[in-house]
Amino acid sequence: MTPVRTAEILAVGSELLTPHRIDSNSLYLTAQLNDIGIDVRSKTVVGDDVRALADQFHQSLGRVDLVVTTGGLGPTSDDVTREGIAEALGLPLVEDEALVMAIRTRFERRGLTMPEANRRQAAVPAGARILANPNGTAPGLWINAGDRVVVLLPGPPREMQPMFEREVRPALMARTTGRRVWRRVIKIAGRSESHVEEIAQPIYGPLASSDVPIETTILASPGVIELHLSARGEDAAAIGAALDRGVTALASSLAASVVSVDGRSIEETIGQLLLSHHSRVAVAESCTGGLVMGRLTDVAGSSAWFVGGVVAYANEVKTGTLGVAPSLIATHGAVSEPVGAAMAEGVRRVLGAEFGLAITGIAGPTGGSPEKPVGTVVIALAHEKGTVTRTLRLGGDRPMVRQHSVVAVLELLRQTLVAPSS
């Protein structure tokens, strides 16, 4: 049996060629395939056109050992994946009566009659193995094309992901060489991408030619830089040790800027730090409108260390709910360090938390002035030892200013929690 080493992914659907829908399935599949040692060589979006799909599929199958498609297995006329792949492979479509019955039964269990259109989902390329879909009506398909493999998966992630994990991954692992890809992720805050590169490159550069070659990639997102280290091979112990050495060297060089060395987000790291301090945090937000609270409550179990918060968008909420003195706003303006400090102290007091965070700013595109242009943001942290404020001058559009503000205030809290005197 020929090993499966390389793959291409075809995301099928004309909607994916518009700005209204993003192909997230390819990201999931790439991670899964890399994890079992299969290199993904390319990812392509193809519209709902039989000829275009057949042509693209034919090219992909000529380059790699495995082609995986997602989407286009529904019951409507624009679901053409079965037809396109069958045409490219020269296989007839044959209706599978057992599939028809399974789809009909699924409808009957919900008290519905199966529309005749759903019979299209039971049209299977001759010789294909059916992959069960307990979460929908579209079955997946596994086709052996000579010494190569073709896998057709449904588009909805809630159907595609369980199908891959249950049906496809075990079968592919039996066809791999035993080589796998191991990864480590370091997350850094408070430094620019170029600054991280300047510090890290002299360390990670030589790793590429070491006894266990390690590839390093730098990824930037608002406020956070990620270093991804990866190595391929069969000796898990040797590769793990090499990756650990690389992570240790990089983390040491980047010091306090390192949020985590195991891929944890800044909010997950903060949660663990708060638990270790037996402390909780409360948040007051103006221009970010609850984004900080959303990040914190995305962490499972955050109720143990997150009390709650106040979206103090209007000045009357700042004064009435948080107790900010009206004279502070009148004298310094709503976007000022005195007001930010009062917001942080107020939310800490009102909600009874050990730490209070606050953000107030001008996210734009309007509202700026020569003294306080768009992108001016004040962050503040209040705790028993005092209150810290910082004024930021952020670039970018409104979403960018808001996202950078969220990370900045979370990093202010993290740095305080890791400081020896905190």
Protein backbone atom coordinates (compact mmCIF):
# COMPACT_ATOMS: atom_id res chain seq x y z
CA MET A 1 0.00 0.00 0.00
CA THR A 2 1.47 3.34 -1.09
CA PRO A 3 2.01 5.75 1.84
CA VAL A 4 0.09 9.02 1.93
CA ARG A 5 2.57 11.87 2.38
CA THR A 6 1.09 14.90 0.62
CA ALA A 7 -2.36 16.45 0.25
CA GLU A 8 -4.32 19.26 -1.34
CA ILE A 9 -7.63 20.63 -0.07
CA LEU A 10 -10.45 21.83 -2.31
CA ALA A 11 -13.08 23.98 -0.61
CA VAL A 12 -16.16 23.88 -2.82
CA GLY A 13 -18.78 26.62 -2.88
CA SER A 14 -19.35 29.82 -4.84
CA GLU A 15 -20.19 31.60 -1.59
CA LEU A 16 -16.56 31.11 -0.52
CA LEU A 17 -15.52 33.32 -3.45
CA THR A 18 -17.44 36.25 -1.95
CA PRO A 19 -16.58 38.42 1.08
CA HIS A 20 -19.59 37.01 2.95
CA ARG A 21 -18.27 33.54 3.82
CA ILE A 22 -14.79 32.40 4.91
CA ASP A 23 -13.34 28.95 4.36
CA SER A 24 -12.44 27.82 7.88
CA ASN A 25 -12.55 24.09 7.10
CA SER A 26 -9.16 24.18 5.39
CA LEU A 27 -7.52 25.51 8.54
CA TYR A 28 -8.92 22.65 10.58
CA LEU A 29 -8.00 20.03 7.98
CA THR A 30 -4.48 21.37 7.57
CA ALA A 31 -3.85 21.08 11.30
CA GLN A 32 -5.29 17.57 11.40
CA LEU A 33 -3.35 16.34 8.38
CA ASN A 34 -0.09 17.91 9.53
CA ASP A 35 -0.56 16.28 12.89
CA ILE A 36 -0.45 12.82 11.34
CA GLY A 37 2.50 13.62 9.11
CA ILE A 38 0.74 14.61 5.87
CA ASP A 39 2.02 17.82 4.27
CA VAL A 40 -0.68 20.06 2.81
CA ARG A 41 0.77 21.50 -0.38
CA SER A 42 -2.09 23.83 -1.33
CA LYS A 43 -5.64 24.90 -0.54
CA THR A 44 -7.98 26.02 -3.31
CA VAL A 45 -11.49 27.47 -3.35
CA VAL A 46 -13.61 26.30 -6.30
CA GLY A 47 -17.06 27.59 -7.23
CA ASP A 48 -20.17 25.49 -7.84
CA ASP A 49 -19.23 24.53 -11.37
CA VAL A 50 -18.83 20.88 -12.40
CA ARG A 51 -16.26 21.56 -15.12
CA ALA A 52 -14.16 23.91 -12.99
CA LEU A 53 -14.20 21.46 -10.09
CA ALA A 54 -13.31 18.49 -12.31
CA ASP A 55 -10.41 20.40 -13.87
CA GLN A 56 -9.02 21.56 -10.54
CA PHE A 57 -9.43 18.12 -9.00
CA HIS A 58 -7.65 16.47 -11.93
CA GLN A 59 -4.69 18.83 -11.47
CA SER A 60 -4.55 18.22 -7.72
CA LEU A 61 -4.70 14.46 -8.04
CA GLY A 62 -1.74 14.60 -10.38
CA ARG A 63 0.41 16.32 -7.74
CA VAL A 64 -0.35 14.71 -4.39
CA ASP A 65 -1.30 11.46 -2.68
CA LEU A 66 -4.52 12.73 -1.11
CA VAL A 67 -7.21 15.18 -2.22
CA VAL A 68 -9.80 16.27 0.34
CA THR A 69 -12.88 18.25 -0.66
CA THR A 70 -15.27 20.05 1.67
CA GLY A 71 -18.74 21.24 0.73
CA GLY A 72 -21.01 20.71 -2.23
CA LEU A 73 -22.60 17.48 -0.95
CA GLY A 74 -26.04 18.93 -0.22
CA PRO A 75 -29.35 18.18 -1.97
CA THR A 76 -29.65 21.23 -4.22
CA SER A 77 -28.67 21.67 -7.84
CA ASP A 78 -25.64 23.81 -6.97
CA ASP A 79 -24.15 21.00 -4.85
CA VAL A 80 -21.93 19.55 -7.54
CA THR A 81 -18.99 17.93 -5.76
CA ARG A 82 -20.19 14.38 -6.38
CA GLU A 83 -20.71 15.09 -10.06
CA GLY A 84 -17.40 16.92 -10.51
CA ILE A 85 -15.28 14.26 -8.82
CA ALA A 86 -17.12 11.39 -10.55
CA GLU A 87 -16.57 13.07 -13.93
CA ALA A 88 -12.87 13.63 -13.25
CA LEU A 89 -12.40 9.99 -12.23
CA GLY A 90 -14.57 8.62 -15.02
CA LEU A 91 -16.93 6.93 -12.56
CA PRO A 92 -20.70 6.62 -12.89
CA LEU A 93 -22.96 7.86 -10.10
CA VAL A 94 -25.06 5.06 -8.62
CA GLU A 95 -27.94 5.59 -6.22
CA ASP A 96 -27.38 3.75 -2.94
CA GLU A 97 -30.76 2.50 -1.68
CA ALA A 98 -29.49 2.07 1.87
CA LEU A 99 -28.49 5.73 1.88
CA VAL A 100 -31.91 6.77 0.58
CA MET A 101 -33.53 4.85 3.42
CA ALA A 102 -31.16 6.36 6.00
CA ILE A 103 -31.90 9.90 4.83
CA ARG A 104 -35.65 9.21 4.72
CA THR A 105 -35.53 7.80 8.25
CA ARG A 106 -33.69 10.85 9.49
CA PHE A 107 -36.53 13.06 8.24
CA GLU A 108 -39.21 10.75 9.65
CA ARG A 109 -37.67 10.91 13.11
CA ARG A 110 -38.30 14.65 13.01
CA GLY A 111 -41.86 14.12 11.82
CA LEU A 112 -41.07 15.23 8.27
CA THR A 113 -41.29 13.73 4.80
CA MET A 114 -38.04 13.55 2.89
CA PRO A 115 -38.03 15.89 -0.12
CA GLU A 116 -37.20 14.10 -3.35
CA ALA A 117 -34.26 16.48 -3.80
CA ASN A 118 -32.46 14.65 -1.01
CA ARG A 119 -32.16 11.54 -3.20
CA ARG A 120 -29.26 13.38 -4.88
CA GLN A 121 -27.24 12.86 -1.70
CA ALA A 122 -27.49 9.11 -2.19
CA ALA A 123 -25.82 9.29 -5.63
CA VAL A 124 -22.42 7.71 -5.02
CA PRO A 125 -19.46 7.33 -7.43
CA ALA A 126 -19.16 3.63 -8.18
CA GLY A 127 -16.80 1.89 -5.75
CA ALA A 128 -16.78 4.69 -3.16
CA ARG A 129 -16.92 3.87 0.55
CA ILE A 130 -19.63 5.77 2.39
CA LEU A 131 -18.65 7.78 5.48
CA ALA A 132 -21.53 7.98 7.94
CA ASN A 133 -22.83 11.41 8.95
CA PRO A 134 -24.88 11.25 12.16
CA ASN A 135 -25.08 15.05 12.24
CA GLY A 136 -26.60 15.66 8.80
CA THR A 137 -27.99 14.16 5.61
CA ALA A 138 -24.84 14.48 3.47
CA PRO A 139 -22.70 11.34 3.63
CA GLY A 140 -18.96 11.62 3.14
CA LEU A 141 -17.14 9.48 0.60
CA TRP A 142 -13.76 7.72 0.47
CA ILE A 143 -12.54 6.81 -3.02
CA ASN A 144 -9.39 4.85 -3.84
CA ALA A 145 -8.07 6.25 -7.11
CA GLY A 146 -5.26 3.86 -7.97
CA ASP A 147 -2.58 4.40 -5.33
CA ARG A 148 -4.10 7.76 -4.35
CA VAL A 149 -6.93 8.67 -2.01
CA VAL A 150 -9.88 11.00 -2.48
CA VAL A 151 -12.04 12.06 0.46
CA LEU A 152 -15.27 14.05 0.08
CA LEU A 153 -16.50 15.75 3.27
CA PRO A 154 -19.59 17.90 3.97
CA GLY A 155 -19.17 21.63 4.42
CA PRO A 156 -20.77 22.41 7.81
CA PRO A 157 -18.00 22.11 10.44
CA ARG A 158 -20.34 20.38 12.90
CA GLU A 159 -20.70 17.59 10.33
CA MET A 160 -17.25 17.65 8.75
CA GLN A 161 -15.08 17.62 11.87
CA PRO A 162 -16.65 14.61 13.65
CA MET A 163 -16.64 12.71 10.36
CA PHE A 164 -12.96 13.38 9.82
CA GLU A 165 -12.00 12.42 13.35
CA ARG A 166 -14.13 9.26 13.45
CA GLU A 167 -13.86 7.94 9.90
CA VAL A 168 -11.01 9.59 8.01
CA ARG A 169 -8.16 10.19 10.45
CA PRO A 170 -7.82 6.52 11.56
CA ALA A 171 -7.88 5.32 7.95
CA LEU A 172 -5.26 7.86 6.89
CA MET A 173 -3.00 7.04 9.82
CA ALA A 174 -2.86 3.47 8.51
CA ARG A 175 -1.52 4.91 5.23
CA THR A 176 1.13 7.27 6.64
CA THR A 177 4.84 6.53 7.08
CA GLY A 178 4.93 7.11 10.83
CA ARG A 179 6.43 10.56 10.38
CA ARG A 180 4.54 13.25 12.26
CA VAL A 181 4.72 16.97 12.74
CA TRP A 182 5.29 18.25 16.26
CA ARG A 183 4.71 21.90 17.13
CA ARG A 184 5.27 24.42 19.88
CA VAL A 185 3.70 27.89 20.02
CA ILE A 186 5.14 30.83 21.94
CA LYS A 187 2.89 33.87 22.37
CA ILE A 188 4.39 37.30 22.95
CA ALA A 189 2.77 40.62 23.83
CA GLY A 190 4.08 44.16 24.09
CA ARG A 191 6.54 43.91 21.18
CA SER A 192 6.23 44.55 17.46
CA GLU A 193 6.73 41.80 14.90
CA SER A 194 10.01 43.33 13.71
CA HIS A 195 11.27 43.66 17.28
CA VAL A 196 10.50 40.00 17.97
CA GLU A 197 12.24 39.01 14.73
CA GLU A 198 15.31 41.04 15.67
CA ILE A 199 15.63 39.24 19.00
CA ALA A 200 14.52 35.77 17.95
CA GLN A 201 16.12 35.27 14.53
CA PRO A 202 19.69 34.76 15.82
CA ILE A 203 18.28 31.97 17.98
CA TYR A 204 15.82 30.23 15.68
CA GLY A 205 17.93 30.65 12.51
CA PRO A 206 20.51 27.99 13.47
CA LEU A 207 17.73 25.62 14.56
CA ALA A 208 16.84 25.01 10.91
CA SER A 209 20.16 23.24 10.35
CA SER A 210 20.47 21.44 13.68
CA ASP A 211 20.47 17.65 14.12
CA VAL A 212 16.68 17.88 14.42
CA PRO A 213 15.77 20.63 11.91
CA ILE A 214 13.21 23.04 13.32
CA GLU A 215 11.18 25.41 11.19
CA THR A 216 10.08 28.69 12.77
CA THR A 217 7.28 30.95 11.60
CA ILE A 218 6.30 34.36 13.01
CA LEU A 219 2.61 35.26 12.92
CA ALA A 220 1.24 38.67 13.90
CA SER A 221 -2.23 39.52 15.19
CA PRO A 222 -3.44 42.69 16.98
CA GLY A 223 -1.23 43.06 20.03
CA VAL A 224 0.13 39.51 20.03
CA ILE A 225 3.02 37.90 18.12
CA GLU A 226 3.26 34.13 17.78
CA LEU A 227 6.37 32.04 17.18
CA HIS A 228 5.48 28.63 15.73
CA LEU A 229 8.21 25.99 15.95
CA SER A 230 7.71 22.71 14.08
CA ALA A 231 9.74 19.59 13.36
CA ARG A 232 9.03 16.43 11.41
CA GLY A 233 10.13 12.88 12.04
CA GLU A 234 9.45 9.59 13.76
CA ASP A 235 11.47 9.88 16.98
CA ALA A 236 9.02 11.67 19.29
CA ALA A 237 11.46 11.86 22.21
CA ALA A 238 14.30 13.40 20.20
CA ILE A 239 12.03 15.87 18.44
CA GLY A 240 10.29 16.85 21.67
CA ALA A 241 13.61 17.49 23.37
CA ALA A 242 14.85 19.61 20.45
CA LEU A 243 11.68 21.66 20.41
CA ASP A 244 11.86 22.16 24.17
CA ARG A 245 15.42 23.46 23.87
CA GLY A 246 14.35 25.89 21.15
CA VAL A 247 11.39 27.12 23.17
CA THR A 248 13.54 27.60 26.28
CA ALA A 249 16.15 29.63 24.39
CA LEU A 250 13.57 31.84 22.69
CA ALA A 251 11.52 32.37 25.85
CA SER A 252 14.66 33.35 27.75
CA SER A 253 15.60 35.94 25.14
CA LEU A 254 12.11 37.46 25.04
CA ALA A 255 11.79 37.35 28.84
CA ALA A 256 8.79 39.12 30.35
CA SER A 257 7.13 39.64 26.96
CA VAL A 258 6.32 35.92 26.77
CA VAL A 259 2.65 35.30 27.47
CA SER A 260 2.87 31.51 27.15
CA VAL A 261 5.10 28.79 25.71
CA ASP A 262 2.31 26.27 25.18
CA GLY A 263 -0.06 28.20 22.93
CA ARG A 264 -2.32 29.47 25.70
CA SER A 265 -4.00 32.80 25.01
CA ILE A 266 -3.35 35.86 27.13
CA GLU A 267 -6.78 35.53 28.75
CA GLU A 268 -6.13 31.88 29.66
CA THR A 269 -2.78 32.85 31.16
CA ILE A 270 -4.40 35.66 33.14
CA GLY A 271 -7.02 33.28 34.49
CA GLN A 272 -4.38 30.90 35.82
CA LEU A 273 -2.40 33.78 37.33
CA LEU A 274 -5.49 35.17 39.07
CA LEU A 275 -6.27 31.75 40.49
CA SER A 276 -2.74 31.45 41.83
CA HIS A 277 -3.14 34.89 43.46
CA HIS A 278 -6.57 33.96 44.82
CA SER A 279 -7.84 37.12 43.15
CA ARG A 280 -10.59 38.24 40.80
CA VAL A 281 -10.90 40.98 38.19
CA ALA A 282 -13.68 43.36 37.14
CA VAL A 283 -13.72 45.46 33.96
CA ALA A 284 -15.02 48.89 32.93
CA GLU A 285 -15.07 49.52 29.18
CA SER A 286 -15.98 52.51 27.08
CA CYS A 287 -14.70 52.43 23.49
CA THR A 288 -14.25 48.64 23.45
CA GLY A 289 -17.89 48.07 24.36
CA GLY A 290 -17.44 44.74 26.17
CA LEU A 291 -14.68 43.16 24.08
CA VAL A 292 -12.45 42.65 27.11
CA MET A 293 -15.25 40.94 28.99
CA GLY A 294 -15.94 38.78 25.95
CA ARG A 295 -12.31 37.64 25.80
CA LEU A 296 -12.24 36.80 29.50
CA THR A 297 -15.52 34.90 29.50
CA ASP A 298 -14.47 32.90 26.45
CA VAL A 299 -12.26 30.98 28.87
CA ALA A 300 -14.02 28.00 30.40
CA GLY A 301 -14.20 28.32 34.18
CA SER A 302 -13.65 32.08 34.14
CA SER A 303 -16.41 32.52 36.73
CA ALA A 304 -13.77 31.54 39.30
CA TRP A 305 -11.76 34.70 38.67
CA PHE A 306 -13.89 37.12 36.61
CA VAL A 307 -16.53 39.03 38.60
CA GLY A 308 -18.24 41.06 35.91
CA GLY A 309 -18.07 44.42 34.26
CA VAL A 310 -19.68 47.64 33.12
CA VAL A 311 -19.89 49.02 29.59
CA ALA A 312 -19.65 52.69 30.49
CA TYR A 313 -20.06 54.16 27.04
CA ALA A 314 -22.02 57.24 28.09
CA ASN A 315 -20.57 59.69 30.59
CA GLU A 316 -23.62 59.32 32.82
CA VAL A 317 -22.76 55.64 33.26
CA LYS A 318 -19.21 56.57 34.18
CA THR A 319 -20.45 58.99 36.80
CA GLY A 320 -23.64 57.25 37.95
CA THR A 321 -22.55 53.61 38.01
CA LEU A 322 -18.80 53.80 38.46
CA GLY A 323 -18.71 56.93 40.61
CA VAL A 324 -16.40 58.95 38.37
CA ALA A 325 -16.52 62.56 39.55
CA PRO A 326 -18.19 64.79 36.92
CA SER A 327 -15.50 67.38 37.57
CA LEU A 328 -12.84 64.96 36.29
CA ILE A 329 -14.65 64.60 32.98
CA ALA A 330 -15.27 68.35 32.77
CA THR A 331 -11.63 69.17 33.49
CA HIS A 332 -9.74 66.41 31.69
CA GLY A 333 -12.24 64.90 29.26
CA ALA A 334 -13.69 61.37 29.16
CA VAL A 335 -10.53 60.10 27.46
CA SER A 336 -7.90 60.96 30.05
CA GLU A 337 -5.78 59.21 32.62
CA PRO A 338 -7.67 60.70 35.61
CA VAL A 339 -10.97 59.38 34.22
CA GLY A 340 -9.45 56.01 33.29
CA ALA A 341 -8.07 55.66 36.81
CA ALA A 342 -11.43 56.56 38.33
CA MET A 343 -13.19 54.01 36.12
CA ALA A 344 -10.81 51.22 37.16
CA GLU A 345 -11.09 52.15 40.84
CA GLY A 346 -14.85 52.46 40.55
CA VAL A 347 -15.47 49.07 38.95
CA ARG A 348 -13.12 47.42 41.45
CA ARG A 349 -15.04 49.00 44.31
CA VAL A 350 -18.55 48.47 42.96
CA LEU A 351 -18.04 44.83 42.02
CA GLY A 352 -15.76 43.88 44.89
CA ALA A 353 -12.80 42.59 42.89
CA GLU A 354 -9.11 42.62 43.79
CA PHE A 355 -8.24 44.05 40.36
CA GLY A 356 -10.13 46.62 38.28
CA LEU A 357 -9.40 47.21 34.59
CA ALA A 358 -10.61 50.14 32.50
CA ILE A 359 -10.47 51.36 28.92
CA THR A 360 -11.60 54.72 27.58
CA GLY A 361 -10.64 56.03 24.16
CA ILE A 362 -11.40 57.36 20.71
CA ALA A 363 -11.69 54.43 18.32
CA GLY A 364 -12.82 56.53 15.36
CA PRO A 365 -13.32 57.17 12.61
CA THR A 366 -14.74 60.39 14.09
CA GLY A 367 -14.41 62.06 17.47
CA GLY A 368 -10.73 62.97 17.40
CA SER A 369 -9.13 66.35 17.95
CA PRO A 370 -5.62 67.78 17.51
CA GLU A 371 -4.95 67.18 21.21
CA LYS A 372 -6.57 63.72 21.24
CA PRO A 373 -6.58 62.25 17.76
CA VAL A 374 -8.38 59.09 16.75
CA GLY A 375 -6.51 56.17 18.26
CA THR A 376 -5.95 57.85 21.63
CA VAL A 377 -6.77 55.26 24.27
CA VAL A 378 -6.28 55.26 28.03
CA ILE A 379 -5.97 51.97 29.89
CA ALA A 380 -5.93 51.64 33.67
CA LEU A 381 -5.44 49.02 36.35
CA ALA A 382 -6.46 49.48 39.98
CA HIS A 383 -5.52 47.16 42.84
CA GLU A 384 -4.72 47.38 46.53
CA LYS A 385 -1.25 48.82 45.94
CA GLY A 386 -2.43 51.65 43.70
CA THR A 387 -3.57 52.54 40.21
CA VAL A 388 -1.55 52.47 36.99
CA THR A 389 -2.59 54.35 33.85
CA ARG A 390 -1.17 54.50 30.36
CA THR A 391 -2.05 56.57 27.32
CA LEU A 392 -1.72 54.81 23.98
CA ARG A 393 -1.56 56.25 20.48
CA LEU A 394 -2.83 53.48 18.23
CA GLY A 395 -3.00 53.37 14.46
CA GLY A 396 -5.39 51.56 12.16
CA ASP A 397 -9.13 51.59 11.70
CA ARG A 398 -11.79 51.31 14.39
CA PRO A 399 -11.67 47.50 14.75
CA MET A 400 -7.88 47.57 14.92
CA VAL A 401 -7.82 50.28 17.60
CA ARG A 402 -10.34 48.34 19.68
CA GLN A 403 -8.51 45.02 19.36
CA HIS A 404 -5.15 46.55 20.24
CA SER A 405 -6.75 48.25 23.25
CA VAL A 406 -8.11 44.94 24.53
CA VAL A 407 -4.72 43.23 24.34
CA ALA A 408 -2.96 46.24 25.88
CA VAL A 409 -5.14 46.31 28.99
CA LEU A 410 -4.95 42.53 29.38
CA GLU A 411 -1.17 42.69 29.07
CA LEU A 412 -1.08 45.42 31.71
CA LEU A 413 -2.88 43.04 34.06
CA ARG A 414 -0.66 40.09 33.15
CA GLN A 415 2.54 42.06 33.70
CA THR A 416 1.26 43.17 37.10
CA LEU A 417 0.38 39.61 38.09
CA VAL A 418 3.81 38.25 37.16
CA ALA A 419 5.73 41.11 38.82
CA PRO A 420 7.45 40.00 42.05
CA SER A 421 5.69 42.69 44.10
CA SER A 422 2.17 41.99 42.77
